[in-house]
N, C-alpha and C. Protein backbone atom coordinates (compact mmCIF):
# COMPACT_ATOMS: atom_id res chain seq x y z
N UNK A 1 -28.88 -50.04 -60.17
CA UNK A 1 -29.60 -48.77 -60.16
C UNK A 1 -29.17 -47.90 -59.01
N UNK A 2 -29.04 -48.53 -57.85
CA UNK A 2 -28.62 -47.75 -56.69
C UNK A 2 -27.23 -47.19 -56.88
N UNK A 3 -26.40 -47.94 -57.56
CA UNK A 3 -25.05 -47.45 -57.79
C UNK A 3 -25.06 -46.23 -58.70
N UNK A 4 -25.97 -46.27 -59.70
CA UNK A 4 -26.03 -45.14 -60.62
C UNK A 4 -26.57 -43.89 -59.96
N UNK A 5 -27.43 -44.04 -58.94
CA UNK A 5 -27.98 -42.88 -58.22
C UNK A 5 -27.01 -42.39 -57.17
N UNK A 6 -26.34 -43.28 -56.48
CA UNK A 6 -25.44 -42.91 -55.38
C UNK A 6 -24.24 -42.15 -55.87
N UNK A 7 -23.76 -42.47 -57.03
CA UNK A 7 -22.56 -41.80 -57.51
C UNK A 7 -22.78 -40.30 -57.70
N UNK A 8 -23.87 -39.86 -58.37
CA UNK A 8 -24.10 -38.41 -58.48
C UNK A 8 -24.31 -37.73 -57.14
N UNK A 9 -24.97 -38.42 -56.20
CA UNK A 9 -25.22 -37.82 -54.89
C UNK A 9 -23.91 -37.59 -54.15
N UNK A 10 -23.04 -38.56 -54.17
CA UNK A 10 -21.74 -38.42 -53.50
C UNK A 10 -20.95 -37.30 -54.15
N UNK A 11 -21.01 -37.24 -55.47
CA UNK A 11 -20.29 -36.17 -56.14
C UNK A 11 -20.85 -34.81 -55.79
N UNK A 12 -22.19 -34.69 -55.66
CA UNK A 12 -22.81 -33.42 -55.31
C UNK A 12 -22.42 -32.98 -53.90
N UNK A 13 -22.41 -33.94 -52.95
CA UNK A 13 -22.05 -33.61 -51.59
C UNK A 13 -20.60 -33.16 -51.50
N UNK A 14 -19.74 -33.79 -52.27
CA UNK A 14 -18.33 -33.39 -52.27
C UNK A 14 -18.18 -31.99 -52.83
N UNK A 15 -18.96 -31.66 -53.86
CA UNK A 15 -18.87 -30.33 -54.45
C UNK A 15 -19.36 -29.27 -53.48
N UNK A 16 -20.45 -29.59 -52.75
CA UNK A 16 -20.98 -28.63 -51.78
C UNK A 16 -19.99 -28.41 -50.64
N UNK A 17 -19.36 -29.48 -50.17
CA UNK A 17 -18.39 -29.36 -49.09
C UNK A 17 -17.19 -28.54 -49.52
N UNK A 18 -16.78 -28.70 -50.76
CA UNK A 18 -15.63 -27.94 -51.25
C UNK A 18 -15.97 -26.46 -51.40
N UNK A 19 -17.24 -26.18 -51.78
CA UNK A 19 -17.63 -24.79 -51.98
C UNK A 19 -17.93 -24.07 -50.68
N UNK A 20 -18.25 -24.81 -49.63
CA UNK A 20 -18.58 -24.16 -48.35
C UNK A 20 -17.35 -23.48 -47.76
N UNK A 21 -17.52 -22.25 -47.25
CA UNK A 21 -16.36 -21.53 -46.68
C UNK A 21 -15.88 -22.20 -45.39
N UNK A 22 -14.59 -22.21 -45.21
CA UNK A 22 -14.01 -22.78 -43.99
C UNK A 22 -14.17 -21.78 -42.85
N UNK A 23 -14.77 -22.18 -41.73
CA UNK A 23 -14.96 -21.21 -40.64
C UNK A 23 -13.63 -20.72 -40.10
N UNK A 24 -13.58 -19.42 -39.92
CA UNK A 24 -12.37 -18.80 -39.39
C UNK A 24 -12.33 -18.97 -37.86
N UNK A 25 -11.24 -19.49 -37.31
CA UNK A 25 -11.19 -19.66 -35.85
C UNK A 25 -11.23 -18.31 -35.14
N UNK A 26 -11.93 -18.29 -34.04
CA UNK A 26 -12.07 -17.04 -33.29
C UNK A 26 -10.71 -16.57 -32.76
N UNK A 27 -10.49 -15.27 -32.88
CA UNK A 27 -9.24 -14.72 -32.40
C UNK A 27 -9.24 -14.69 -30.87
N UNK A 28 -8.13 -15.03 -30.27
CA UNK A 28 -8.08 -15.01 -28.81
C UNK A 28 -8.26 -13.58 -28.28
N UNK A 29 -8.90 -13.48 -27.15
CA UNK A 29 -9.17 -12.18 -26.54
C UNK A 29 -8.03 -11.84 -25.59
N UNK A 30 -7.51 -10.66 -25.74
CA UNK A 30 -6.44 -10.18 -24.86
C UNK A 30 -7.03 -9.05 -24.01
N UNK A 31 -7.46 -9.39 -22.79
CA UNK A 31 -8.08 -8.41 -21.89
C UNK A 31 -7.24 -8.28 -20.63
N UNK A 32 -7.00 -7.04 -20.21
CA UNK A 32 -6.16 -6.79 -19.04
C UNK A 32 -6.83 -5.75 -18.14
N UNK A 33 -7.40 -6.17 -17.01
CA UNK A 33 -7.97 -5.19 -16.08
C UNK A 33 -6.88 -4.49 -15.28
N UNK A 34 -7.12 -3.24 -14.96
CA UNK A 34 -6.20 -2.44 -14.15
C UNK A 34 -7.01 -1.83 -13.01
N UNK A 35 -6.52 -2.00 -11.78
CA UNK A 35 -7.19 -1.47 -10.59
C UNK A 35 -6.33 -0.38 -9.97
N UNK A 36 -6.93 0.80 -9.76
CA UNK A 36 -6.24 1.92 -9.12
C UNK A 36 -7.06 2.37 -7.92
N UNK A 37 -6.44 2.45 -6.75
CA UNK A 37 -7.11 2.88 -5.52
C UNK A 37 -6.50 4.20 -5.05
N UNK A 38 -7.36 5.21 -4.85
CA UNK A 38 -6.90 6.54 -4.46
C UNK A 38 -7.70 7.04 -3.27
N UNK A 39 -7.04 7.35 -2.11
CA UNK A 39 -5.61 7.13 -1.89
C UNK A 39 -5.34 5.67 -1.60
N UNK A 40 -4.16 5.23 -1.98
CA UNK A 40 -3.78 3.85 -1.66
C UNK A 40 -3.43 3.77 -0.18
N UNK A 41 -3.97 2.77 0.51
CA UNK A 41 -3.75 2.66 1.95
C UNK A 41 -4.72 3.50 2.75
N UNK A 42 -5.97 3.64 2.26
CA UNK A 42 -6.96 4.45 2.95
C UNK A 42 -7.23 3.89 4.35
N UNK A 43 -7.33 4.78 5.34
CA UNK A 43 -7.53 4.39 6.73
C UNK A 43 -9.01 4.36 7.07
N UNK A 44 -9.38 3.69 8.18
CA UNK A 44 -10.78 3.69 8.60
C UNK A 44 -11.31 5.11 8.77
N UNK A 45 -12.48 5.36 8.23
CA UNK A 45 -13.08 6.69 8.25
C UNK A 45 -12.69 7.55 7.07
N UNK A 46 -11.79 7.10 6.22
CA UNK A 46 -11.33 7.89 5.08
C UNK A 46 -12.05 7.46 3.81
N UNK A 47 -12.33 8.42 2.94
CA UNK A 47 -13.01 8.12 1.68
C UNK A 47 -12.00 7.64 0.65
N UNK A 48 -12.40 6.65 -0.16
CA UNK A 48 -11.50 6.05 -1.14
C UNK A 48 -12.26 5.87 -2.45
N UNK A 49 -11.52 5.95 -3.56
CA UNK A 49 -12.08 5.74 -4.90
C UNK A 49 -11.30 4.64 -5.59
N UNK A 50 -11.99 3.60 -6.03
CA UNK A 50 -11.39 2.50 -6.79
C UNK A 50 -11.82 2.65 -8.25
N UNK A 51 -10.85 2.65 -9.14
CA UNK A 51 -11.12 2.79 -10.57
C UNK A 51 -10.64 1.54 -11.29
N UNK A 52 -11.53 0.96 -12.11
CA UNK A 52 -11.21 -0.24 -12.88
C UNK A 52 -11.30 0.10 -14.36
N UNK A 53 -10.25 -0.19 -15.11
CA UNK A 53 -10.27 -0.04 -16.56
C UNK A 53 -9.88 -1.38 -17.20
N UNK A 54 -10.37 -1.61 -18.43
CA UNK A 54 -10.09 -2.85 -19.15
C UNK A 54 -9.51 -2.48 -20.50
N UNK A 55 -8.30 -2.90 -20.74
CA UNK A 55 -7.65 -2.64 -22.02
C UNK A 55 -7.37 -3.97 -22.71
N UNK A 56 -6.99 -3.91 -23.99
CA UNK A 56 -6.66 -5.11 -24.73
C UNK A 56 -7.26 -5.11 -26.11
N UNK A 57 -7.39 -6.31 -26.70
CA UNK A 57 -7.93 -6.46 -28.05
C UNK A 57 -8.85 -7.69 -28.08
N UNK A 58 -9.88 -7.60 -28.92
CA UNK A 58 -10.82 -8.71 -29.04
C UNK A 58 -12.18 -8.34 -28.51
N UNK A 59 -13.06 -9.32 -28.47
CA UNK A 59 -14.43 -9.11 -28.03
C UNK A 59 -14.73 -9.96 -26.81
N UNK A 60 -15.28 -9.33 -25.80
CA UNK A 60 -15.74 -10.03 -24.62
C UNK A 60 -17.26 -10.10 -24.69
N UNK A 61 -17.79 -11.32 -24.63
CA UNK A 61 -19.23 -11.51 -24.71
C UNK A 61 -19.80 -11.65 -23.30
N UNK A 62 -20.83 -10.83 -23.02
CA UNK A 62 -21.47 -10.84 -21.69
C UNK A 62 -20.42 -10.64 -20.60
N UNK A 63 -19.66 -9.57 -20.74
CA UNK A 63 -18.59 -9.30 -19.78
C UNK A 63 -19.16 -8.88 -18.43
N UNK A 64 -18.54 -9.37 -17.38
CA UNK A 64 -18.93 -9.03 -16.01
C UNK A 64 -17.66 -8.71 -15.21
N UNK A 65 -17.75 -7.63 -14.44
CA UNK A 65 -16.65 -7.22 -13.57
C UNK A 65 -17.14 -7.31 -12.13
N UNK A 66 -16.37 -8.02 -11.31
CA UNK A 66 -16.71 -8.18 -9.89
C UNK A 66 -15.58 -7.59 -9.06
N UNK A 67 -15.92 -6.63 -8.22
CA UNK A 67 -14.96 -6.00 -7.31
C UNK A 67 -15.28 -6.43 -5.89
N UNK A 68 -14.26 -6.88 -5.15
CA UNK A 68 -14.44 -7.26 -3.75
C UNK A 68 -13.36 -6.58 -2.91
N UNK A 69 -13.69 -6.32 -1.66
CA UNK A 69 -12.74 -5.73 -0.73
C UNK A 69 -12.93 -6.38 0.63
N UNK A 70 -11.85 -6.47 1.41
CA UNK A 70 -11.94 -7.07 2.74
C UNK A 70 -12.27 -6.03 3.81
N UNK A 71 -12.39 -4.76 3.44
CA UNK A 71 -12.78 -3.70 4.38
C UNK A 71 -14.15 -3.17 3.98
N UNK A 72 -15.08 -3.17 4.91
CA UNK A 72 -16.43 -2.69 4.60
C UNK A 72 -16.38 -1.23 4.18
N UNK A 73 -17.20 -0.90 3.18
CA UNK A 73 -17.32 0.47 2.69
C UNK A 73 -18.72 0.99 2.99
N UNK A 74 -18.79 2.19 3.52
CA UNK A 74 -20.07 2.86 3.76
C UNK A 74 -20.36 3.82 2.61
N UNK A 75 -21.65 4.03 2.35
CA UNK A 75 -22.09 4.96 1.29
C UNK A 75 -21.44 4.61 -0.05
N UNK A 76 -21.53 3.35 -0.43
CA UNK A 76 -20.88 2.90 -1.67
C UNK A 76 -21.69 3.34 -2.88
N UNK A 77 -20.99 3.87 -3.88
CA UNK A 77 -21.59 4.16 -5.18
C UNK A 77 -20.70 3.55 -6.26
N UNK A 78 -21.32 3.08 -7.34
CA UNK A 78 -20.58 2.45 -8.43
C UNK A 78 -21.19 2.86 -9.76
N UNK A 79 -20.32 3.19 -10.71
CA UNK A 79 -20.79 3.60 -12.03
C UNK A 79 -19.92 2.93 -13.09
N UNK A 80 -20.57 2.35 -14.10
CA UNK A 80 -19.86 1.67 -15.18
C UNK A 80 -20.12 2.38 -16.50
N UNK A 81 -19.08 2.47 -17.32
CA UNK A 81 -19.18 3.09 -18.65
C UNK A 81 -18.53 2.15 -19.66
N UNK A 82 -19.32 1.33 -20.38
CA UNK A 82 -20.78 1.19 -20.33
C UNK A 82 -21.19 0.15 -19.29
N UNK A 83 -22.50 0.02 -19.06
CA UNK A 83 -23.00 -1.02 -18.18
C UNK A 83 -23.71 -0.48 -16.97
N UNK A 84 -24.04 -1.39 -16.06
CA UNK A 84 -24.73 -1.02 -14.82
C UNK A 84 -24.16 -1.86 -13.69
N UNK A 85 -24.27 -1.34 -12.46
CA UNK A 85 -23.65 -1.99 -11.31
C UNK A 85 -24.63 -2.11 -10.16
N UNK A 86 -24.39 -3.11 -9.33
CA UNK A 86 -25.06 -3.25 -8.03
C UNK A 86 -23.98 -3.30 -6.97
N UNK A 87 -24.19 -2.59 -5.86
CA UNK A 87 -23.14 -2.42 -4.86
C UNK A 87 -23.61 -2.84 -3.49
N UNK A 88 -22.67 -3.37 -2.70
CA UNK A 88 -22.87 -3.70 -1.29
C UNK A 88 -21.58 -3.30 -0.56
N UNK A 89 -21.55 -3.37 0.79
CA UNK A 89 -20.36 -2.88 1.51
C UNK A 89 -19.05 -3.54 1.10
N UNK A 90 -19.07 -4.80 0.63
CA UNK A 90 -17.82 -5.47 0.27
C UNK A 90 -17.76 -5.96 -1.17
N UNK A 91 -18.86 -5.86 -1.93
CA UNK A 91 -18.89 -6.42 -3.28
C UNK A 91 -19.63 -5.48 -4.22
N UNK A 92 -19.05 -5.31 -5.41
CA UNK A 92 -19.69 -4.54 -6.48
C UNK A 92 -19.64 -5.41 -7.74
N UNK A 93 -20.80 -5.63 -8.37
CA UNK A 93 -20.89 -6.43 -9.59
C UNK A 93 -21.42 -5.53 -10.70
N UNK A 94 -20.70 -5.50 -11.82
CA UNK A 94 -21.07 -4.66 -12.96
C UNK A 94 -21.24 -5.53 -14.20
N UNK A 95 -22.40 -5.41 -14.85
CA UNK A 95 -22.68 -6.11 -16.10
C UNK A 95 -22.38 -5.14 -17.24
N UNK A 96 -21.39 -5.49 -18.07
CA UNK A 96 -20.95 -4.58 -19.13
C UNK A 96 -21.44 -4.98 -20.51
N UNK A 97 -22.08 -6.14 -20.65
CA UNK A 97 -22.54 -6.57 -21.97
C UNK A 97 -21.37 -7.02 -22.83
N UNK A 98 -21.52 -6.87 -24.16
CA UNK A 98 -20.47 -7.25 -25.10
C UNK A 98 -19.50 -6.08 -25.27
N UNK A 99 -18.24 -6.36 -25.11
CA UNK A 99 -17.21 -5.31 -25.21
C UNK A 99 -16.29 -5.62 -26.38
N UNK A 100 -16.06 -4.65 -27.22
CA UNK A 100 -15.08 -4.76 -28.30
C UNK A 100 -13.87 -3.92 -27.89
N UNK A 101 -12.89 -4.59 -27.37
CA UNK A 101 -11.72 -3.91 -26.85
C UNK A 101 -10.82 -3.45 -27.99
N UNK A 102 -10.21 -2.30 -27.81
CA UNK A 102 -9.27 -1.79 -28.80
C UNK A 102 -9.90 -0.99 -29.91
N UNK A 103 -11.23 -0.94 -29.99
CA UNK A 103 -11.90 -0.19 -31.06
C UNK A 103 -12.80 0.91 -30.52
N UNK A 104 -13.19 0.81 -29.27
CA UNK A 104 -14.08 1.83 -28.70
C UNK A 104 -13.32 3.14 -28.53
N UNK A 105 -14.04 4.26 -28.56
CA UNK A 105 -13.36 5.54 -28.38
C UNK A 105 -12.71 5.68 -27.01
N UNK A 106 -13.19 4.96 -26.02
CA UNK A 106 -12.59 5.00 -24.68
C UNK A 106 -12.66 3.61 -24.07
N UNK A 107 -11.69 3.29 -23.23
CA UNK A 107 -11.67 1.97 -22.61
C UNK A 107 -12.79 1.88 -21.59
N UNK A 108 -13.36 0.68 -21.38
CA UNK A 108 -14.40 0.52 -20.35
C UNK A 108 -13.84 0.93 -18.99
N UNK A 109 -14.68 1.63 -18.22
CA UNK A 109 -14.24 2.17 -16.94
C UNK A 109 -15.33 1.99 -15.89
N UNK A 110 -14.93 1.59 -14.69
CA UNK A 110 -15.83 1.46 -13.55
C UNK A 110 -15.25 2.29 -12.41
N UNK A 111 -16.09 3.12 -11.80
CA UNK A 111 -15.66 3.96 -10.68
C UNK A 111 -16.47 3.60 -9.44
N UNK A 112 -15.76 3.23 -8.38
CA UNK A 112 -16.39 2.82 -7.11
C UNK A 112 -15.87 3.74 -6.02
N UNK A 113 -16.78 4.34 -5.28
CA UNK A 113 -16.39 5.23 -4.20
C UNK A 113 -17.11 4.80 -2.91
N UNK A 114 -16.47 5.08 -1.79
CA UNK A 114 -17.04 4.77 -0.49
C UNK A 114 -16.11 5.19 0.62
N UNK A 115 -16.58 5.09 1.83
CA UNK A 115 -15.77 5.44 3.01
C UNK A 115 -15.45 4.16 3.78
N UNK A 116 -14.16 3.98 4.07
CA UNK A 116 -13.75 2.79 4.82
C UNK A 116 -14.40 2.84 6.20
N UNK A 117 -15.12 1.79 6.54
CA UNK A 117 -15.86 1.77 7.80
C UNK A 117 -14.92 1.76 8.99
N UNK A 118 -15.12 2.63 9.98
CA UNK A 118 -14.28 2.63 11.18
C UNK A 118 -14.44 1.32 11.96
N UNK A 119 -13.41 1.03 12.76
CA UNK A 119 -13.47 -0.15 13.61
C UNK A 119 -12.55 -1.27 13.20
N UNK A 120 -11.90 -1.17 12.05
CA UNK A 120 -10.97 -2.22 11.65
C UNK A 120 -9.75 -2.19 12.57
N UNK A 121 -9.29 -3.34 13.07
CA UNK A 121 -8.17 -3.35 14.02
C UNK A 121 -6.86 -3.01 13.34
N UNK A 122 -5.91 -2.40 14.07
CA UNK A 122 -4.57 -2.13 13.50
C UNK A 122 -3.92 -3.44 13.06
N UNK A 123 -3.23 -3.36 11.93
CA UNK A 123 -2.57 -4.54 11.39
C UNK A 123 -3.45 -5.41 10.53
N UNK A 124 -4.73 -5.05 10.35
CA UNK A 124 -5.63 -5.85 9.51
C UNK A 124 -5.24 -5.70 8.04
N UNK A 125 -5.41 -6.77 7.27
CA UNK A 125 -5.10 -6.75 5.84
C UNK A 125 -6.30 -6.26 5.05
N UNK A 126 -6.09 -5.22 4.26
CA UNK A 126 -7.13 -4.71 3.35
C UNK A 126 -6.73 -5.13 1.94
N UNK A 127 -7.56 -5.95 1.33
CA UNK A 127 -7.27 -6.44 -0.02
C UNK A 127 -8.42 -6.09 -0.95
N UNK A 128 -8.08 -5.46 -2.06
CA UNK A 128 -9.05 -5.09 -3.09
C UNK A 128 -8.77 -5.95 -4.33
N UNK A 129 -9.82 -6.52 -4.90
CA UNK A 129 -9.64 -7.50 -5.98
C UNK A 129 -10.68 -7.28 -7.07
N UNK A 130 -10.26 -7.39 -8.32
CA UNK A 130 -11.14 -7.24 -9.48
C UNK A 130 -11.04 -8.50 -10.33
N UNK A 131 -12.20 -9.04 -10.73
CA UNK A 131 -12.25 -10.22 -11.59
C UNK A 131 -13.11 -9.92 -12.80
N UNK A 132 -12.59 -10.20 -14.00
CA UNK A 132 -13.32 -9.98 -15.25
C UNK A 132 -13.63 -11.35 -15.86
N UNK A 133 -14.90 -11.63 -16.04
CA UNK A 133 -15.32 -12.88 -16.65
C UNK A 133 -16.19 -12.59 -17.88
N UNK A 134 -16.29 -13.58 -18.77
CA UNK A 134 -17.10 -13.48 -19.99
C UNK A 134 -17.32 -14.88 -20.52
N UNK A 135 -18.01 -14.97 -21.65
CA UNK A 135 -18.19 -16.27 -22.28
C UNK A 135 -16.83 -16.84 -22.67
N UNK A 136 -15.96 -15.99 -23.15
CA UNK A 136 -14.63 -16.45 -23.55
C UNK A 136 -13.79 -16.91 -22.38
N UNK A 137 -14.02 -16.38 -21.20
CA UNK A 137 -13.19 -16.76 -20.05
C UNK A 137 -13.43 -18.19 -19.60
N UNK A 138 -14.51 -18.83 -20.09
CA UNK A 138 -14.73 -20.24 -19.76
C UNK A 138 -13.60 -21.10 -20.29
N UNK A 139 -12.96 -20.64 -21.38
CA UNK A 139 -11.86 -21.40 -21.96
C UNK A 139 -10.50 -20.80 -21.59
N UNK A 140 -10.46 -19.49 -21.46
CA UNK A 140 -9.16 -18.84 -21.22
C UNK A 140 -8.91 -18.54 -19.74
N UNK A 141 -9.97 -18.54 -18.91
CA UNK A 141 -9.80 -18.21 -17.51
C UNK A 141 -10.10 -16.74 -17.25
N UNK A 142 -10.51 -16.44 -16.04
CA UNK A 142 -10.83 -15.05 -15.67
C UNK A 142 -9.56 -14.22 -15.56
N UNK A 143 -9.72 -12.92 -15.82
CA UNK A 143 -8.62 -11.97 -15.66
C UNK A 143 -8.76 -11.29 -14.30
N UNK A 144 -7.65 -11.15 -13.56
CA UNK A 144 -7.69 -10.67 -12.18
C UNK A 144 -6.66 -9.56 -11.99
N UNK A 145 -7.03 -8.56 -11.21
CA UNK A 145 -6.12 -7.51 -10.76
C UNK A 145 -6.43 -7.24 -9.29
N UNK A 146 -5.41 -6.92 -8.50
CA UNK A 146 -5.65 -6.70 -7.07
C UNK A 146 -4.55 -5.83 -6.48
N UNK A 147 -4.82 -5.29 -5.30
CA UNK A 147 -3.81 -4.61 -4.49
C UNK A 147 -4.16 -4.85 -3.03
N UNK A 148 -3.20 -4.63 -2.14
CA UNK A 148 -3.42 -4.92 -0.72
C UNK A 148 -2.46 -4.09 0.12
N UNK A 149 -2.85 -3.86 1.38
CA UNK A 149 -1.99 -3.16 2.33
C UNK A 149 -2.45 -3.49 3.74
N UNK A 150 -1.59 -3.22 4.73
CA UNK A 150 -1.89 -3.46 6.13
C UNK A 150 -2.25 -2.14 6.81
N UNK A 151 -3.28 -2.16 7.63
CA UNK A 151 -3.60 -0.97 8.41
C UNK A 151 -2.52 -0.75 9.46
N UNK A 152 -2.01 0.47 9.60
CA UNK A 152 -0.93 0.71 10.57
C UNK A 152 -1.42 0.55 12.00
N UNK A 153 -0.50 0.16 12.90
CA UNK A 153 -0.81 0.04 14.31
C UNK A 153 -0.36 1.28 15.05
N UNK A 154 -0.56 1.29 16.39
CA UNK A 154 -0.16 2.43 17.22
C UNK A 154 1.35 2.45 17.36
N UNK A 155 1.92 3.63 17.27
CA UNK A 155 3.36 3.80 17.41
C UNK A 155 3.65 4.54 18.70
N UNK A 156 4.73 4.17 19.43
CA UNK A 156 5.06 4.87 20.68
C UNK A 156 5.42 6.32 20.43
N UNK A 157 5.04 7.16 21.39
CA UNK A 157 5.31 8.59 21.27
C UNK A 157 6.69 8.89 21.85
N UNK A 158 7.50 9.62 21.11
CA UNK A 158 8.83 10.00 21.58
C UNK A 158 8.71 11.01 22.71
N UNK A 159 9.63 10.95 23.72
CA UNK A 159 9.58 11.93 24.81
C UNK A 159 9.92 13.32 24.32
N UNK A 160 9.44 14.38 25.01
CA UNK A 160 9.76 15.75 24.60
C UNK A 160 11.26 15.99 24.59
N UNK A 161 11.68 16.89 23.73
CA UNK A 161 13.10 17.19 23.61
C UNK A 161 13.65 17.78 24.90
N UNK A 162 12.83 18.62 25.62
CA UNK A 162 13.33 19.25 26.84
C UNK A 162 13.65 18.19 27.90
N UNK A 163 12.79 17.20 28.03
CA UNK A 163 13.03 16.17 29.03
C UNK A 163 14.26 15.36 28.70
N UNK A 164 14.44 15.06 27.40
CA UNK A 164 15.60 14.29 27.00
C UNK A 164 16.88 15.06 27.28
N UNK A 165 16.88 16.37 26.99
CA UNK A 165 18.07 17.17 27.20
C UNK A 165 18.39 17.28 28.68
N UNK A 166 17.33 17.45 29.49
CA UNK A 166 17.57 17.58 30.92
C UNK A 166 18.12 16.29 31.50
N UNK A 167 17.58 15.16 31.04
CA UNK A 167 18.06 13.89 31.55
C UNK A 167 19.49 13.64 31.13
N UNK A 168 19.89 14.16 29.98
CA UNK A 168 21.25 13.95 29.51
C UNK A 168 22.23 14.84 30.24
N UNK A 169 21.85 16.09 30.53
CA UNK A 169 22.79 17.04 31.12
C UNK A 169 22.90 16.91 32.63
N UNK A 170 21.84 16.50 33.32
CA UNK A 170 21.88 16.42 34.77
C UNK A 170 22.62 15.17 35.21
N UNK A 171 23.64 15.27 36.07
CA UNK A 171 24.37 14.11 36.56
C UNK A 171 23.52 13.34 37.54
N UNK A 172 23.98 12.12 37.93
CA UNK A 172 23.20 11.30 38.88
C UNK A 172 23.07 12.00 40.21
N UNK A 173 21.97 11.73 40.94
CA UNK A 173 21.77 12.37 42.26
C UNK A 173 22.89 11.97 43.23
N UNK A 174 23.29 12.92 44.08
CA UNK A 174 24.30 12.66 45.09
C UNK A 174 25.71 12.90 44.62
N UNK A 175 25.92 13.08 43.31
CA UNK A 175 27.26 13.28 42.79
C UNK A 175 27.38 14.53 41.95
N UNK A 176 26.21 15.09 41.58
CA UNK A 176 26.26 16.21 40.67
C UNK A 176 26.60 17.50 41.40
N UNK A 177 27.51 18.26 40.86
CA UNK A 177 27.85 19.62 41.27
C UNK A 177 28.51 19.69 42.65
N UNK A 178 28.58 18.59 43.38
CA UNK A 178 29.16 18.67 44.72
C UNK A 178 30.65 18.37 44.68
N UNK A 179 31.06 17.40 43.93
CA UNK A 179 32.48 17.09 43.85
C UNK A 179 33.28 18.25 43.30
N UNK A 180 32.85 18.88 42.20
CA UNK A 180 33.61 20.05 41.74
C UNK A 180 33.67 21.16 42.79
N UNK A 181 32.57 21.37 43.55
CA UNK A 181 32.57 22.44 44.55
C UNK A 181 33.57 22.13 45.65
N UNK A 182 33.58 20.93 46.16
CA UNK A 182 34.52 20.55 47.20
C UNK A 182 35.94 20.65 46.70
N UNK A 183 36.17 20.20 45.52
CA UNK A 183 37.52 20.28 44.96
C UNK A 183 37.98 21.71 44.85
N UNK A 184 37.07 22.57 44.44
CA UNK A 184 37.44 23.99 44.33
C UNK A 184 37.80 24.56 45.69
N UNK A 185 37.06 24.20 46.73
CA UNK A 185 37.35 24.71 48.06
C UNK A 185 38.69 24.22 48.54
N UNK A 186 38.99 22.96 48.36
CA UNK A 186 40.29 22.42 48.79
C UNK A 186 41.42 23.08 48.07
N UNK A 187 41.28 23.24 46.78
CA UNK A 187 42.35 23.90 46.02
C UNK A 187 42.53 25.33 46.48
N UNK A 188 41.42 26.01 46.73
CA UNK A 188 41.55 27.40 47.19
C UNK A 188 42.23 27.44 48.55
N UNK A 189 41.90 26.52 49.46
CA UNK A 189 42.54 26.48 50.76
C UNK A 189 44.02 26.20 50.65
N UNK A 190 44.41 25.31 49.77
CA UNK A 190 45.82 25.03 49.58
C UNK A 190 46.57 26.24 49.09
N UNK A 191 45.96 26.98 48.21
CA UNK A 191 46.61 28.20 47.70
C UNK A 191 46.77 29.21 48.82
N UNK A 192 45.74 29.36 49.66
CA UNK A 192 45.83 30.32 50.76
C UNK A 192 46.89 29.91 51.74
N UNK A 193 46.96 28.67 52.12
CA UNK A 193 47.99 28.21 53.07
C UNK A 193 49.37 28.39 52.51
N UNK A 194 49.53 28.08 51.27
CA UNK A 194 50.85 28.28 50.65
C UNK A 194 51.26 29.73 50.64
N UNK A 195 50.35 30.61 50.46
CA UNK A 195 50.65 32.05 50.44
C UNK A 195 51.06 32.52 51.83
N UNK A 196 50.35 32.07 52.89
CA UNK A 196 50.69 32.48 54.24
C UNK A 196 52.07 31.99 54.65
N UNK A 197 52.42 30.76 54.29
CA UNK A 197 53.75 30.25 54.63
C UNK A 197 54.83 31.04 53.93
N UNK A 198 54.59 31.41 52.74
CA UNK A 198 55.59 32.19 52.01
C UNK A 198 55.80 33.55 52.66
N UNK A 199 54.70 34.18 53.09
CA UNK A 199 54.83 35.49 53.72
C UNK A 199 55.58 35.39 55.05
N UNK A 200 55.30 34.35 55.82
CA UNK A 200 55.98 34.19 57.10
C UNK A 200 57.49 34.01 56.91
N UNK A 201 57.87 33.22 55.92
CA UNK A 201 59.28 33.01 55.68
C UNK A 201 59.97 34.30 55.23
N UNK A 202 59.30 35.12 54.52
CA UNK A 202 59.90 36.36 54.07
C UNK A 202 60.08 37.34 55.23
N UNK A 203 59.14 37.33 56.19
CA UNK A 203 59.25 38.26 57.34
C UNK A 203 60.39 37.86 58.28
N UNK A 204 60.53 36.63 58.60
CA UNK A 204 61.49 36.20 59.60
C UNK A 204 62.83 35.85 59.00
N UNK A 205 62.95 35.87 57.71
CA UNK A 205 64.23 35.55 57.09
C UNK A 205 64.46 34.05 57.08
N UNK A 206 65.59 33.70 56.56
CA UNK A 206 65.87 32.28 56.46
C UNK A 206 66.13 31.70 57.83
N UNK A 207 65.73 30.50 58.15
CA UNK A 207 65.94 29.90 59.46
C UNK A 207 67.40 29.63 59.71
N UNK A 208 67.79 29.62 60.98
CA UNK A 208 69.20 29.33 61.31
C UNK A 208 69.58 27.99 60.76
N UNK A 209 70.91 27.83 60.62
CA UNK A 209 71.42 26.60 60.05
C UNK A 209 71.07 25.43 60.93
N UNK A 210 70.46 24.44 60.37
CA UNK A 210 70.09 23.23 61.09
C UNK A 210 68.76 23.33 61.77
N UNK A 211 68.07 24.55 61.65
CA UNK A 211 66.76 24.67 62.27
C UNK A 211 65.73 25.04 61.20
N UNK A 212 64.54 24.69 61.50
CA UNK A 212 63.44 25.03 60.60
C UNK A 212 62.82 26.34 60.98
């Protein structure tokens, strides 16, 4: 009896399994964040704007964008389209919800503005970093974009052009302008003596034979 009942049940289960649709595997998400800093290389006390955009294809579930910087920002403001952000001097976190990349009329965009806090030492590294995470990133890994630069140090000031020219043209002390003057006097004296001797010889005629 059990055999007669089990056979129809097994056949029914096989029919149901065959009729059930095969689940379609989820398409991989291709998301690429882009970070733009304007001006790039902002100095302490200068205002800077960081713009984050996300392009690609697929759906990001519960997408979150985290922006960090190694230079403190004063008067930080952050705006996400779509989503909302919370900001601090070095970190901005934006919750964007579910994003369908490649189909929206405009790519998701985050705008962060602030003034680089004065006091950073010359040569310090300023690094700006963006991380995009979602439910899908648990399997594929977070997407990252970043940029970095060094704060310039003090540079030596070149000497004025007038001082450089004067130092180049003036000879060393004790030798400048005196040697040419003395030489000129000696040469002039030699010319004068030679002229006087010539005149004397012309007045007295040639000396007697054997005498000077």
